[in-house]
């Protein structure tokens, strides 16, 4: 991404505060994932469990807090934007999916390469309740960043290389994951009438 290194170099001057700010804003609107700052910071502090836990708490808490803001923005403006750039029936379909699978959808978005911010906005537009939204974010983001910190603590540079490779290919992984999720939803919906057919 153009300017990504420049932005990260600027943020890196401010330490954990910058990590919190990057994580917070990424969960609302900006495209730079906090992993790109969190991973090098975690690597530098891999000999201190207390500092690793502190960085993990910062990146997780700030990300979930940003998602809450995204949820609020989605609740206020999301319906208008979806209707403006899409069709009402598409919005209604998304709302139905979030009412039915919202918690799992948010958990998967939080822990995977799927765009967390987009799911947050849609969750707000779909009027998803805030408590399960926050819980899904805490568990999902906590698991994602916690696994990264644990791998770096255990395997050092090898883990850095592996996680960096995954981040470099996250768009492809997101497309594959969305396709799998779409097929899973279609399969469950297709199975539903047959399971209710016989008394």
C-alpha atoms as a PDB file:
ATOM      1  CA  UNK A   1       0.000   0.000   0.000  1.00  0.00           C
ATOM      2  CA  UNK A   2       1.348   3.448  -0.953  1.00  0.00           C
ATOM      3  CA  UNK A   3       2.409   5.409   2.115  1.00  0.00           C
ATOM      4  CA  UNK A   4       1.961   2.460   4.486  1.00  0.00           C
ATOM      5  CA  UNK A   5       5.630   2.381   5.548  1.00  0.00           C
ATOM      6  CA  UNK A   6       5.654   6.154   5.978  1.00  0.00           C
ATOM      7  CA  UNK A   7       2.586   6.043   8.236  1.00  0.00           C
ATOM      8  CA  UNK A   8       3.995   3.172  10.290  1.00  0.00           C
ATOM      9  CA  UNK A   9       7.350   4.951  10.686  1.00  0.00           C
ATOM     10  CA  UNK A  10       5.527   8.031  11.956  1.00  0.00           C
ATOM     11  CA  UNK A  11       3.379   6.032  14.397  1.00  0.00           C
ATOM     12  CA  UNK A  12       6.340   4.009  15.667  1.00  0.00           C
ATOM     13  CA  UNK A  13       7.744   7.100  17.371  1.00  0.00           C
ATOM     14  CA  UNK A  14       4.957   6.986  19.960  1.00  0.00           C
ATOM     15  CA  UNK A  15       5.211   3.381  21.166  1.00  0.00           C
ATOM     16  CA  UNK A  16       2.191   1.636  22.724  1.00  0.00           C
ATOM     17  CA  UNK A  17       0.040   4.773  22.365  1.00  0.00           C
ATOM     18  CA  UNK A  18       0.551   4.616  18.598  1.00  0.00           C
ATOM     19  CA  UNK A  19      -0.381   0.926  18.611  1.00  0.00           C
ATOM     20  CA  UNK A  20      -3.614   1.777  20.415  1.00  0.00           C
ATOM     21  CA  UNK A  21      -4.407   4.597  17.971  1.00  0.00           C
ATOM     22  CA  UNK A  22      -3.657   2.464  14.902  1.00  0.00           C
ATOM     23  CA  UNK A  23      -5.723  -0.438  16.239  1.00  0.00           C
ATOM     24  CA  UNK A  24      -8.609   1.861  17.195  1.00  0.00           C
ATOM     25  CA  UNK A  25      -8.810   3.623  13.825  1.00  0.00           C
ATOM     26  CA  UNK A  26      -8.355   0.411  11.811  1.00  0.00           C
ATOM     27  CA  UNK A  27     -11.500  -1.002  13.404  1.00  0.00           C
ATOM     28  CA  UNK A  28     -13.456   2.035  12.216  1.00  0.00           C
ATOM     29  CA  UNK A  29     -12.214   3.112   8.802  1.00  0.00           C
ATOM     30  CA  UNK A  30      -8.488   3.032   7.934  1.00  0.00           C
ATOM     31  CA  UNK A  31      -6.977   0.046   6.060  1.00  0.00           C
ATOM     32  CA  UNK A  32      -3.616  -0.570   7.823  1.00  0.00           C
ATOM     33  CA  UNK A  33      -3.930  -3.629  10.103  1.00  0.00           C
ATOM     34  CA  UNK A  34      -2.527  -3.189  13.631  1.00  0.00           C
ATOM     35  CA  UNK A  35      -0.614  -6.471  13.204  1.00  0.00           C
ATOM     36  CA  UNK A  36       1.995  -4.577  11.164  1.00  0.00           C
ATOM     37  CA  UNK A  37       2.915  -2.562  14.251  1.00  0.00           C
ATOM     38  CA  UNK A  38       2.024  -5.122  16.901  1.00  0.00           C
ATOM     39  CA  UNK A  39       4.260  -7.878  15.508  1.00  0.00           C
ATOM     40  CA  UNK A  40       7.576  -5.956  15.555  1.00  0.00           C
ATOM     41  CA  UNK A  41       6.762  -4.507  18.987  1.00  0.00           C
ATOM     42  CA  UNK A  42       5.935  -7.976  20.317  1.00  0.00           C
ATOM     43  CA  UNK A  43       9.140  -9.354  18.777  1.00  0.00           C
ATOM     44  CA  UNK A  44      11.236  -6.658  20.469  1.00  0.00           C
ATOM     45  CA  UNK A  45       9.600  -7.478  23.827  1.00  0.00           C
ATOM     46  CA  UNK A  46       9.511 -11.272  23.426  1.00  0.00           C
ATOM     47  CA  UNK A  47      11.744 -11.776  26.480  1.00  0.00           C
ATOM     48  CA  UNK A  48       9.262  -9.983  28.749  1.00  0.00           C
ATOM     49  CA  UNK A  49       5.983 -11.838  29.313  1.00  0.00           C
ATOM     50  CA  UNK A  50       4.526  -8.866  31.189  1.00  0.00           C
ATOM     51  CA  UNK A  51       5.227  -6.480  28.291  1.00  0.00           C
ATOM     52  CA  UNK A  52       3.854  -8.964  25.755  1.00  0.00           C
ATOM     53  CA  UNK A  53       0.647  -9.228  27.769  1.00  0.00           C
ATOM     54  CA  UNK A  54       0.436  -5.437  28.016  1.00  0.00           C
ATOM     55  CA  UNK A  55       0.831  -4.997  24.241  1.00  0.00           C
ATOM     56  CA  UNK A  56      -1.733  -7.758  23.652  1.00  0.00           C
ATOM     57  CA  UNK A  57      -4.203  -5.989  25.960  1.00  0.00           C
ATOM     58  CA  UNK A  58      -3.637  -2.621  24.255  1.00  0.00           C
ATOM     59  CA  UNK A  59      -4.116  -3.870  20.685  1.00  0.00           C
ATOM     60  CA  UNK A  60      -7.170  -5.960  21.623  1.00  0.00           C
ATOM     61  CA  UNK A  61      -8.904  -3.337  23.770  1.00  0.00           C
ATOM     62  CA  UNK A  62      -8.306  -0.510  21.267  1.00  0.00           C
ATOM     63  CA  UNK A  63      -9.549  -2.632  18.369  1.00  0.00           C
ATOM     64  CA  UNK A  64     -12.775  -3.600  20.143  1.00  0.00           C
ATOM     65  CA  UNK A  65     -13.299   0.006  21.274  1.00  0.00           C
ATOM     66  CA  UNK A  66     -12.894   1.166  17.670  1.00  0.00           C
ATOM     67  CA  UNK A  67     -15.370  -1.471  16.523  1.00  0.00           C
ATOM     68  CA  UNK A  68     -17.919  -0.107  19.030  1.00  0.00           C
ATOM     69  CA  UNK A  69     -17.544   3.305  17.374  1.00  0.00           C
ATOM     70  CA  UNK A  70     -17.952   1.642  13.969  1.00  0.00           C
ATOM     71  CA  UNK A  71     -21.074  -0.115  15.253  1.00  0.00           C
ATOM     72  CA  UNK A  72     -22.499   3.247  16.405  1.00  0.00           C
ATOM     73  CA  UNK A  73     -21.714   4.864  13.048  1.00  0.00           C
ATOM     74  CA  UNK A  74     -23.259   1.930  11.225  1.00  0.00           C
ATOM     75  CA  UNK A  75     -26.373   2.181  13.357  1.00  0.00           C
ATOM     76  CA  UNK A  76     -26.704   5.882  12.528  1.00  0.00           C
ATOM     77  CA  UNK A  77     -25.607   6.000   8.881  1.00  0.00           C
ATOM     78  CA  UNK A  78     -25.258   2.405   7.687  1.00  0.00           C
ATOM     79  CA  UNK A  79     -28.805   1.890   6.453  1.00  0.00           C
ATOM     80  CA  UNK A  80     -28.672   5.060   4.344  1.00  0.00           C
ATOM     81  CA  UNK A  81     -25.318   4.098   2.843  1.00  0.00           C
ATOM     82  CA  UNK A  82     -26.402   0.531   2.073  1.00  0.00           C
ATOM     83  CA  UNK A  83     -29.598   1.755   0.425  1.00  0.00           C
ATOM     84  CA  UNK A  84     -27.714   4.416  -1.510  1.00  0.00           C
ATOM     85  CA  UNK A  85     -25.007   2.163  -2.918  1.00  0.00           C
ATOM     86  CA  UNK A  86     -26.999  -1.068  -3.041  1.00  0.00           C
ATOM     87  CA  UNK A  87     -30.553  -2.292  -3.169  1.00  0.00           C
ATOM     88  CA  UNK A  88     -32.968  -2.447  -0.225  1.00  0.00           C
ATOM     89  CA  UNK A  89     -33.354  -6.210  -0.640  1.00  0.00           C
ATOM     90  CA  UNK A  90     -29.575  -6.633  -0.266  1.00  0.00           C
ATOM     91  CA  UNK A  91     -29.645  -4.658   2.973  1.00  0.00           C
ATOM     92  CA  UNK A  92     -32.590  -6.730   4.206  1.00  0.00           C
ATOM     93  CA  UNK A  93     -30.665  -9.907   3.407  1.00  0.00           C
ATOM     94  CA  UNK A  94     -27.626  -8.677   5.332  1.00  0.00           C
ATOM     95  CA  UNK A  95     -29.831  -7.726   8.277  1.00  0.00           C
ATOM     96  CA  UNK A  96     -31.387 -11.191   8.263  1.00  0.00           C
ATOM     97  CA  UNK A  97     -27.956 -12.857   8.196  1.00  0.00           C
ATOM     98  CA  UNK A  98     -26.740 -10.716  11.083  1.00  0.00           C
ATOM     99  CA  UNK A  99     -29.828 -11.409  13.150  1.00  0.00           C
ATOM    100  CA  UNK A 100     -29.265 -15.127  12.606  1.00  0.00           C
ATOM    101  CA  UNK A 101     -25.474 -15.490  12.531  1.00  0.00           C
ATOM    102  CA  UNK A 102     -24.290 -12.119  13.885  1.00  0.00           C
ATOM    103  CA  UNK A 103     -22.217 -13.301  16.851  1.00  0.00           C
ATOM    104  CA  UNK A 104     -20.419 -15.980  14.848  1.00  0.00           C
ATOM    105  CA  UNK A 105     -19.946 -13.575  11.937  1.00  0.00           C
ATOM    106  CA  UNK A 106     -18.325 -10.987  14.186  1.00  0.00           C
ATOM    107  CA  UNK A 107     -16.144 -13.597  15.891  1.00  0.00           C
ATOM    108  CA  UNK A 108     -14.917 -14.916  12.526  1.00  0.00           C
ATOM    109  CA  UNK A 109     -14.285 -11.379  11.236  1.00  0.00           C
ATOM    110  CA  UNK A 110     -12.407 -10.488  14.432  1.00  0.00           C
ATOM    111  CA  UNK A 111     -10.096 -13.491  14.352  1.00  0.00           C
ATOM    112  CA  UNK A 112      -9.595 -13.789  10.585  1.00  0.00           C
ATOM    113  CA  UNK A 113      -8.410 -11.636   7.644  1.00  0.00           C
ATOM    114  CA  UNK A 114     -12.027 -10.601   6.937  1.00  0.00           C
ATOM    115  CA  UNK A 115     -12.575  -6.811   7.126  1.00  0.00           C
ATOM    116  CA  UNK A 116     -13.497  -6.306  10.797  1.00  0.00           C
ATOM    117  CA  UNK A 117     -14.483  -2.673  10.249  1.00  0.00           C
ATOM    118  CA  UNK A 118     -16.996  -3.553   7.514  1.00  0.00           C
ATOM    119  CA  UNK A 119     -18.643  -6.169   9.705  1.00  0.00           C
ATOM    120  CA  UNK A 120     -18.814  -3.629  12.537  1.00  0.00           C
ATOM    121  CA  UNK A 121     -20.610  -1.107  10.361  1.00  0.00           C
ATOM    122  CA  UNK A 122     -23.013  -3.740   9.020  1.00  0.00           C
ATOM    123  CA  UNK A 123     -23.652  -5.040  12.537  1.00  0.00           C
ATOM    124  CA  UNK A 124     -24.643  -1.527  13.588  1.00  0.00           C
ATOM    125  CA  UNK A 125     -26.830  -1.034  10.506  1.00  0.00           C
ATOM    126  CA  UNK A 126     -28.475  -4.384  11.265  1.00  0.00           C
ATOM    127  CA  UNK A 127     -29.125  -3.243  14.850  1.00  0.00           C
ATOM    128  CA  UNK A 128     -27.092  -6.099  16.341  1.00  0.00           C
ATOM    129  CA  UNK A 129     -27.155  -5.902  20.135  1.00  0.00           C
ATOM    130  CA  UNK A 130     -24.037  -4.288  21.562  1.00  0.00           C
ATOM    131  CA  UNK A 131     -23.231  -6.825  24.299  1.00  0.00           C
ATOM    132  CA  UNK A 132     -22.813  -9.916  22.054  1.00  0.00           C
ATOM    133  CA  UNK A 133     -21.078  -7.689  19.495  1.00  0.00           C
ATOM    134  CA  UNK A 134     -18.488  -6.638  22.091  1.00  0.00           C
ATOM    135  CA  UNK A 135     -18.053 -10.167  23.464  1.00  0.00           C
ATOM    136  CA  UNK A 136     -17.495 -11.584  19.967  1.00  0.00           C
ATOM    137  CA  UNK A 137     -14.914  -8.859  19.344  1.00  0.00           C
ATOM    138  CA  UNK A 138     -13.076  -9.453  22.615  1.00  0.00           C
ATOM    139  CA  UNK A 139     -12.826 -13.204  22.068  1.00  0.00           C
ATOM    140  CA  UNK A 140     -12.034 -12.920  18.354  1.00  0.00           C
ATOM    141  CA  UNK A 141      -9.493 -10.091  18.521  1.00  0.00           C
ATOM    142  CA  UNK A 142      -8.038 -11.454  21.744  1.00  0.00           C
ATOM    143  CA  UNK A 143      -7.526 -14.849  20.118  1.00  0.00           C
ATOM    144  CA  UNK A 144      -6.002 -13.396  16.955  1.00  0.00           C
ATOM    145  CA  UNK A 145      -3.476 -11.106  18.651  1.00  0.00           C
ATOM    146  CA  UNK A 146      -2.904 -13.552  21.493  1.00  0.00           C
ATOM    147  CA  UNK A 147      -1.900 -16.314  19.085  1.00  0.00           C
ATOM    148  CA  UNK A 148       0.478 -13.940  17.317  1.00  0.00           C
ATOM    149  CA  UNK A 149       2.104 -12.960  20.618  1.00  0.00           C
ATOM    150  CA  UNK A 150       2.342 -16.582  21.766  1.00  0.00           C
ATOM    151  CA  UNK A 151       3.941 -17.727  18.514  1.00  0.00           C
ATOM    152  CA  UNK A 152       6.476 -14.910  18.629  1.00  0.00           C
ATOM    153  CA  UNK A 153       7.271 -15.717  22.258  1.00  0.00           C
ATOM    154  CA  UNK A 154       7.802 -19.396  21.424  1.00  0.00           C
ATOM    155  CA  UNK A 155       9.392 -19.243  17.955  1.00  0.00           C
ATOM    156  CA  UNK A 156      10.760 -15.711  17.536  1.00  0.00           C
ATOM    157  CA  UNK A 157      11.826 -14.764  14.015  1.00  0.00           C
ATOM    158  CA  UNK A 158      10.338 -17.897  12.402  1.00  0.00           C
ATOM    159  CA  UNK A 159       6.901 -16.903  13.727  1.00  0.00           C
ATOM    160  CA  UNK A 160       7.419 -13.316  12.490  1.00  0.00           C
ATOM    161  CA  UNK A 161       8.127 -14.612   8.986  1.00  0.00           C
ATOM    162  CA  UNK A 162       5.107 -16.942   9.004  1.00  0.00           C
ATOM    163  CA  UNK A 163       2.647 -14.333  10.288  1.00  0.00           C
ATOM    164  CA  UNK A 164       4.038 -11.707   7.886  1.00  0.00           C
ATOM    165  CA  UNK A 165       3.456 -14.111   4.997  1.00  0.00           C
ATOM    166  CA  UNK A 166      -0.157 -14.587   6.108  1.00  0.00           C
ATOM    167  CA  UNK A 167      -0.671 -10.812   6.294  1.00  0.00           C
ATOM    168  CA  UNK A 168       0.797 -10.373   2.803  1.00  0.00           C
ATOM    169  CA  UNK A 169      -1.779 -12.858   1.474  1.00  0.00           C
ATOM    170  CA  UNK A 170      -4.734 -11.841   3.642  1.00  0.00           C
ATOM    171  CA  UNK A 171      -6.834 -10.611   0.693  1.00  0.00           C
ATOM    172  CA  UNK A 172      -6.673 -14.028  -0.980  1.00  0.00           C
ATOM    173  CA  UNK A 173      -7.375 -15.726   2.349  1.00  0.00           C
ATOM    174  CA  UNK A 174     -10.330 -13.406   2.979  1.00  0.00           C
ATOM    175  CA  UNK A 175     -11.834 -14.213  -0.425  1.00  0.00           C
ATOM    176  CA  UNK A 176     -11.463 -17.943   0.211  1.00  0.00           C
ATOM    177  CA  UNK A 177     -12.949 -17.622   3.702  1.00  0.00           C
ATOM    178  CA  UNK A 178     -15.913 -15.532   2.479  1.00  0.00           C
ATOM    179  CA  UNK A 179     -16.576 -18.118  -0.228  1.00  0.00           C
ATOM    180  CA  UNK A 180     -16.506 -20.946   2.323  1.00  0.00           C
ATOM    181  CA  UNK A 181     -18.809 -19.019   4.685  1.00  0.00           C
ATOM    182  CA  UNK A 182     -21.198 -18.247   1.835  1.00  0.00           C
ATOM    183  CA  UNK A 183     -21.342 -21.908   0.847  1.00  0.00           C
ATOM    184  CA  UNK A 184     -21.881 -22.923   4.491  1.00  0.00           C
ATOM    185  CA  UNK A 185     -24.798 -20.479   4.894  1.00  0.00           C
ATOM    186  CA  UNK A 186     -26.304 -21.648   1.600  1.00  0.00           C
ATOM    187  CA  UNK A 187     -25.960 -25.309   2.656  1.00  0.00           C
ATOM    188  CA  UNK A 188     -27.609 -24.751   6.041  1.00  0.00           C
ATOM    189  CA  UNK A 189     -30.455 -22.806   4.432  1.00  0.00           C
ATOM    190  CA  UNK A 190     -30.903 -25.511   1.788  1.00  0.00           C
ATOM    191  CA  UNK A 191     -30.995 -28.242   4.451  1.00  0.00           C
ATOM    192  CA  UNK A 192     -33.569 -26.506   6.615  1.00  0.00           C
ATOM    193  CA  UNK A 193     -36.772 -27.337   4.629  1.00  0.00           C
ATOM    194  CA  UNK A 194     -35.881 -31.020   4.291  1.00  0.00           C
ATOM    195  CA  UNK A 195     -35.306 -31.412   8.035  1.00  0.00           C
ATOM    196  CA  UNK A 196     -38.795 -30.041   8.714  1.00  0.00           C
ATOM    197  CA  UNK A 197     -40.543 -31.923   5.954  1.00  0.00           C
ATOM    198  CA  UNK A 198     -41.552 -35.131   7.751  1.00  0.00           C
ATOM    199  CA  UNK A 199     -43.670 -35.067  10.930  1.00  0.00           C
END
